[in-house]
């Protein structure tokens, strides 16, 4: 995964401690759960949780890809709205 995902989503890694509670972890450490969500709190997309498993990297990368597409679509739509408001023809 590239670092550009930080423009449009956040990825958090968590591990369970001895009492079963989640504590912060990193991708490089042993983690039990990953939470992926849009950066904007106004986004219609919610957070998704992925337990660590054989397909977890694929699931995380797929969701990041979808969030990237939604972010880029939103940027293009906002640009078109601004151009229309200002009367700029493209």
N, C-alpha and C. Protein backbone atom coordinates (compact mmCIF):
# COMPACT_ATOMS: atom_id res chain seq x y z
N UNK A 1 0.84 -1.17 0.00
CA UNK A 1 0.00 0.00 0.00
C UNK A 1 0.89 1.24 0.00
N UNK A 2 0.47 2.25 -0.73
CA UNK A 2 1.25 3.48 -0.80
C UNK A 2 0.79 4.46 0.27
N UNK A 3 1.62 5.44 0.55
CA UNK A 3 1.29 6.43 1.56
C UNK A 3 0.25 7.43 1.10
N UNK A 4 -0.08 7.45 -0.20
CA UNK A 4 -1.05 8.44 -0.66
C UNK A 4 -2.45 8.15 -0.15
N UNK A 5 -2.69 6.98 0.43
CA UNK A 5 -4.01 6.68 0.98
C UNK A 5 -4.36 7.64 2.12
N UNK A 6 -3.37 8.27 2.72
CA UNK A 6 -3.63 9.19 3.83
C UNK A 6 -4.37 10.44 3.39
N UNK A 7 -4.47 10.68 2.08
CA UNK A 7 -5.24 11.83 1.58
C UNK A 7 -6.74 11.60 1.71
N UNK A 8 -7.18 10.35 1.70
CA UNK A 8 -8.61 10.08 1.62
C UNK A 8 -9.12 9.01 2.58
N UNK A 9 -8.24 8.29 3.26
CA UNK A 9 -8.73 7.30 4.22
C UNK A 9 -7.73 7.12 5.36
N UNK A 10 -8.21 6.49 6.41
CA UNK A 10 -7.32 6.19 7.53
C UNK A 10 -7.37 4.68 7.77
N UNK A 11 -6.24 4.14 8.11
CA UNK A 11 -6.11 2.72 8.39
C UNK A 11 -5.51 2.58 9.78
N UNK A 12 -6.21 1.85 10.64
CA UNK A 12 -5.74 1.64 12.01
C UNK A 12 -5.58 0.14 12.24
N UNK A 13 -4.51 -0.22 12.89
CA UNK A 13 -4.25 -1.61 13.23
C UNK A 13 -4.35 -1.77 14.74
N UNK A 14 -4.96 -2.88 15.17
CA UNK A 14 -5.20 -3.12 16.58
C UNK A 14 -4.80 -4.54 16.95
N UNK A 15 -4.37 -4.70 18.19
CA UNK A 15 -4.08 -6.04 18.71
C UNK A 15 -4.79 -6.20 20.04
N UNK A 16 -5.10 -7.43 20.37
CA UNK A 16 -5.77 -7.72 21.64
C UNK A 16 -4.71 -7.96 22.73
N UNK A 17 -4.94 -7.33 23.86
CA UNK A 17 -4.02 -7.56 24.98
C UNK A 17 -4.49 -8.78 25.77
N UNK A 18 -3.84 -9.07 26.85
CA UNK A 18 -4.16 -10.25 27.65
C UNK A 18 -5.57 -10.26 28.20
N UNK A 19 -6.16 -9.08 28.39
CA UNK A 19 -7.52 -8.98 28.91
C UNK A 19 -8.57 -8.99 27.81
N UNK A 20 -8.13 -9.07 26.54
CA UNK A 20 -9.08 -9.10 25.43
C UNK A 20 -9.44 -7.73 24.89
N UNK A 21 -8.85 -6.68 25.45
CA UNK A 21 -9.12 -5.33 24.97
C UNK A 21 -8.20 -5.00 23.81
N UNK A 22 -8.67 -4.14 22.92
CA UNK A 22 -7.86 -3.73 21.77
C UNK A 22 -6.92 -2.60 22.15
N UNK A 23 -5.69 -2.69 21.67
CA UNK A 23 -4.73 -1.60 21.84
C UNK A 23 -4.09 -1.33 20.49
N UNK A 24 -3.61 -0.13 20.32
CA UNK A 24 -3.06 0.30 19.04
C UNK A 24 -1.84 -0.54 18.65
N UNK A 25 -1.74 -0.77 17.35
CA UNK A 25 -0.63 -1.54 16.81
C UNK A 25 -0.21 -0.89 15.50
N UNK A 26 0.65 -1.52 14.75
CA UNK A 26 1.03 -1.03 13.44
C UNK A 26 1.01 -2.19 12.45
N UNK A 27 1.08 -1.85 11.19
CA UNK A 27 1.05 -2.88 10.14
C UNK A 27 2.25 -3.82 10.28
N UNK A 28 3.37 -3.30 10.73
CA UNK A 28 4.59 -4.10 10.85
C UNK A 28 4.59 -5.01 12.07
N UNK A 29 3.74 -4.69 13.05
CA UNK A 29 3.67 -5.49 14.26
C UNK A 29 2.61 -6.58 14.09
N UNK A 30 2.52 -7.42 15.09
CA UNK A 30 1.46 -8.43 15.11
C UNK A 30 0.15 -7.72 15.42
N UNK A 31 -0.81 -7.74 14.51
CA UNK A 31 -2.09 -7.10 14.73
C UNK A 31 -3.20 -8.13 14.57
N UNK A 32 -4.34 -7.87 15.23
CA UNK A 32 -5.48 -8.79 15.18
C UNK A 32 -6.64 -8.25 14.36
N UNK A 33 -6.74 -6.94 14.29
CA UNK A 33 -7.87 -6.31 13.60
C UNK A 33 -7.41 -5.03 12.91
N UNK A 34 -7.96 -4.79 11.73
CA UNK A 34 -7.65 -3.57 10.98
C UNK A 34 -8.95 -2.83 10.73
N UNK A 35 -8.93 -1.52 10.90
CA UNK A 35 -10.10 -0.68 10.65
C UNK A 35 -9.74 0.29 9.54
N UNK A 36 -10.55 0.28 8.47
CA UNK A 36 -10.34 1.16 7.33
C UNK A 36 -11.58 2.03 7.18
N UNK A 37 -11.38 3.33 7.06
CA UNK A 37 -12.51 4.24 6.89
C UNK A 37 -12.10 5.49 6.16
N UNK A 38 -13.09 6.21 5.65
CA UNK A 38 -12.80 7.45 4.94
C UNK A 38 -12.25 8.50 5.90
N UNK A 39 -11.44 9.39 5.38
CA UNK A 39 -10.86 10.44 6.20
C UNK A 39 -11.91 11.46 6.61
N UNK A 40 -12.83 11.74 5.71
CA UNK A 40 -13.87 12.73 5.98
C UNK A 40 -14.97 12.14 6.85
N UNK A 41 -15.37 12.89 7.86
CA UNK A 41 -16.48 12.44 8.69
C UNK A 41 -17.81 12.66 7.98
N UNK A 42 -17.80 13.40 6.88
CA UNK A 42 -19.02 13.66 6.13
C UNK A 42 -19.25 12.63 5.02
N UNK A 43 -18.37 11.68 4.90
CA UNK A 43 -18.47 10.67 3.85
C UNK A 43 -19.63 9.72 4.15
N UNK A 44 -20.34 9.28 3.11
CA UNK A 44 -21.41 8.32 3.33
C UNK A 44 -20.90 6.90 3.58
N UNK A 45 -19.60 6.70 3.45
CA UNK A 45 -19.02 5.38 3.66
C UNK A 45 -18.62 5.22 5.12
N UNK A 46 -18.94 4.09 5.69
CA UNK A 46 -18.58 3.84 7.08
C UNK A 46 -17.26 3.11 7.20
N UNK A 47 -16.87 2.89 8.42
CA UNK A 47 -15.65 2.13 8.66
C UNK A 47 -15.90 0.64 8.45
N UNK A 48 -14.88 -0.05 8.03
CA UNK A 48 -14.94 -1.50 7.87
C UNK A 48 -13.85 -2.11 8.73
N UNK A 49 -14.19 -3.20 9.39
CA UNK A 49 -13.23 -3.91 10.24
C UNK A 49 -12.87 -5.25 9.59
N UNK A 50 -11.59 -5.56 9.63
CA UNK A 50 -11.10 -6.80 9.05
C UNK A 50 -10.28 -7.54 10.08
N UNK A 51 -10.66 -8.78 10.42
CA UNK A 51 -9.78 -9.57 11.29
C UNK A 51 -8.58 -10.04 10.47
N UNK A 52 -7.49 -10.26 11.14
CA UNK A 52 -6.30 -10.75 10.44
C UNK A 52 -6.58 -12.15 9.92
N UNK A 53 -6.26 -12.37 8.67
CA UNK A 53 -6.49 -13.67 8.06
C UNK A 53 -5.75 -13.77 6.75
N UNK A 54 -5.92 -14.88 6.04
CA UNK A 54 -5.19 -15.09 4.80
C UNK A 54 -5.55 -14.08 3.70
N UNK A 55 -6.77 -13.54 3.75
CA UNK A 55 -7.21 -12.59 2.72
C UNK A 55 -7.26 -11.15 3.21
N UNK A 56 -6.78 -10.88 4.41
CA UNK A 56 -6.95 -9.54 4.97
C UNK A 56 -6.23 -8.47 4.15
N UNK A 57 -5.03 -8.74 3.67
CA UNK A 57 -4.32 -7.73 2.86
C UNK A 57 -5.10 -7.41 1.59
N UNK A 58 -5.63 -8.42 0.94
CA UNK A 58 -6.43 -8.22 -0.27
C UNK A 58 -7.68 -7.40 0.04
N UNK A 59 -8.37 -7.72 1.13
CA UNK A 59 -9.58 -6.99 1.50
C UNK A 59 -9.27 -5.52 1.80
N UNK A 60 -8.21 -5.28 2.52
CA UNK A 60 -7.82 -3.91 2.87
C UNK A 60 -7.46 -3.13 1.61
N UNK A 61 -6.65 -3.72 0.74
CA UNK A 61 -6.24 -3.04 -0.49
C UNK A 61 -7.44 -2.77 -1.40
N UNK A 62 -8.39 -3.69 -1.45
CA UNK A 62 -9.59 -3.49 -2.27
C UNK A 62 -10.41 -2.32 -1.77
N UNK A 63 -10.60 -2.25 -0.45
CA UNK A 63 -11.39 -1.15 0.10
C UNK A 63 -10.67 0.18 -0.08
N UNK A 64 -9.36 0.21 0.10
CA UNK A 64 -8.59 1.44 -0.12
C UNK A 64 -8.73 1.88 -1.57
N UNK A 65 -8.71 0.95 -2.49
CA UNK A 65 -8.88 1.27 -3.91
C UNK A 65 -10.25 1.88 -4.18
N UNK A 66 -11.29 1.31 -3.59
CA UNK A 66 -12.64 1.87 -3.76
C UNK A 66 -12.75 3.27 -3.15
N UNK A 67 -12.17 3.46 -1.98
CA UNK A 67 -12.19 4.79 -1.35
C UNK A 67 -11.41 5.80 -2.18
N UNK A 68 -10.32 5.37 -2.80
CA UNK A 68 -9.54 6.25 -3.68
C UNK A 68 -10.41 6.68 -4.86
N UNK A 69 -11.12 5.75 -5.47
CA UNK A 69 -11.99 6.07 -6.61
C UNK A 69 -13.09 7.05 -6.20
N UNK A 70 -13.70 6.82 -5.04
CA UNK A 70 -14.75 7.72 -4.56
C UNK A 70 -14.19 9.12 -4.30
N UNK A 71 -12.99 9.19 -3.73
CA UNK A 71 -12.34 10.46 -3.45
C UNK A 71 -12.06 11.22 -4.75
N UNK A 72 -11.51 10.52 -5.74
CA UNK A 72 -11.19 11.17 -7.01
C UNK A 72 -12.46 11.60 -7.74
N UNK A 73 -13.51 10.80 -7.68
CA UNK A 73 -14.78 11.18 -8.29
C UNK A 73 -15.34 12.43 -7.62
N UNK A 74 -15.25 12.48 -6.30
CA UNK A 74 -15.71 13.65 -5.56
C UNK A 74 -14.94 14.90 -5.92
N UNK A 75 -13.64 14.78 -6.12
CA UNK A 75 -12.83 15.93 -6.52
C UNK A 75 -13.25 16.45 -7.89
N UNK A 76 -13.48 15.53 -8.83
CA UNK A 76 -13.90 15.94 -10.17
C UNK A 76 -15.28 16.60 -10.13
N UNK A 77 -16.18 16.06 -9.33
CA UNK A 77 -17.53 16.63 -9.23
C UNK A 77 -17.47 18.03 -8.61
N UNK A 78 -16.64 18.21 -7.60
CA UNK A 78 -16.51 19.51 -6.95
C UNK A 78 -15.90 20.52 -7.90
N UNK A 79 -14.90 20.11 -8.69
CA UNK A 79 -14.29 21.00 -9.68
C UNK A 79 -15.33 21.43 -10.71
N UNK A 80 -16.14 20.50 -11.18
CA UNK A 80 -17.18 20.84 -12.16
C UNK A 80 -18.19 21.81 -11.57
N UNK A 81 -18.54 21.63 -10.30
CA UNK A 81 -19.48 22.53 -9.64
C UNK A 81 -18.89 23.94 -9.52
N UNK A 82 -17.63 24.04 -9.16
CA UNK A 82 -16.97 25.35 -9.05
C UNK A 82 -16.90 26.03 -10.41
N UNK A 83 -16.51 25.28 -11.44
CA UNK A 83 -16.44 25.85 -12.78
C UNK A 83 -17.81 26.33 -13.25
N UNK A 84 -18.84 25.57 -12.96
CA UNK A 84 -20.20 25.96 -13.35
C UNK A 84 -20.61 27.24 -12.61
N UNK A 85 -20.33 27.29 -11.32
CA UNK A 85 -20.69 28.46 -10.52
C UNK A 85 -19.98 29.71 -11.01
N UNK A 86 -18.72 29.57 -11.40
CA UNK A 86 -17.94 30.72 -11.87
C UNK A 86 -18.14 31.00 -13.36
N UNK A 87 -18.89 30.14 -14.04
CA UNK A 87 -19.14 30.34 -15.46
C UNK A 87 -17.94 30.01 -16.33
N UNK A 88 -17.09 29.13 -15.86
CA UNK A 88 -15.91 28.73 -16.62
C UNK A 88 -16.28 27.53 -17.47
N UNK A 89 -16.01 27.63 -18.74
CA UNK A 89 -16.28 26.50 -19.64
C UNK A 89 -15.00 25.69 -19.80
N UNK A 90 -15.16 24.40 -19.72
CA UNK A 90 -13.97 23.54 -19.86
C UNK A 90 -13.94 22.85 -21.20
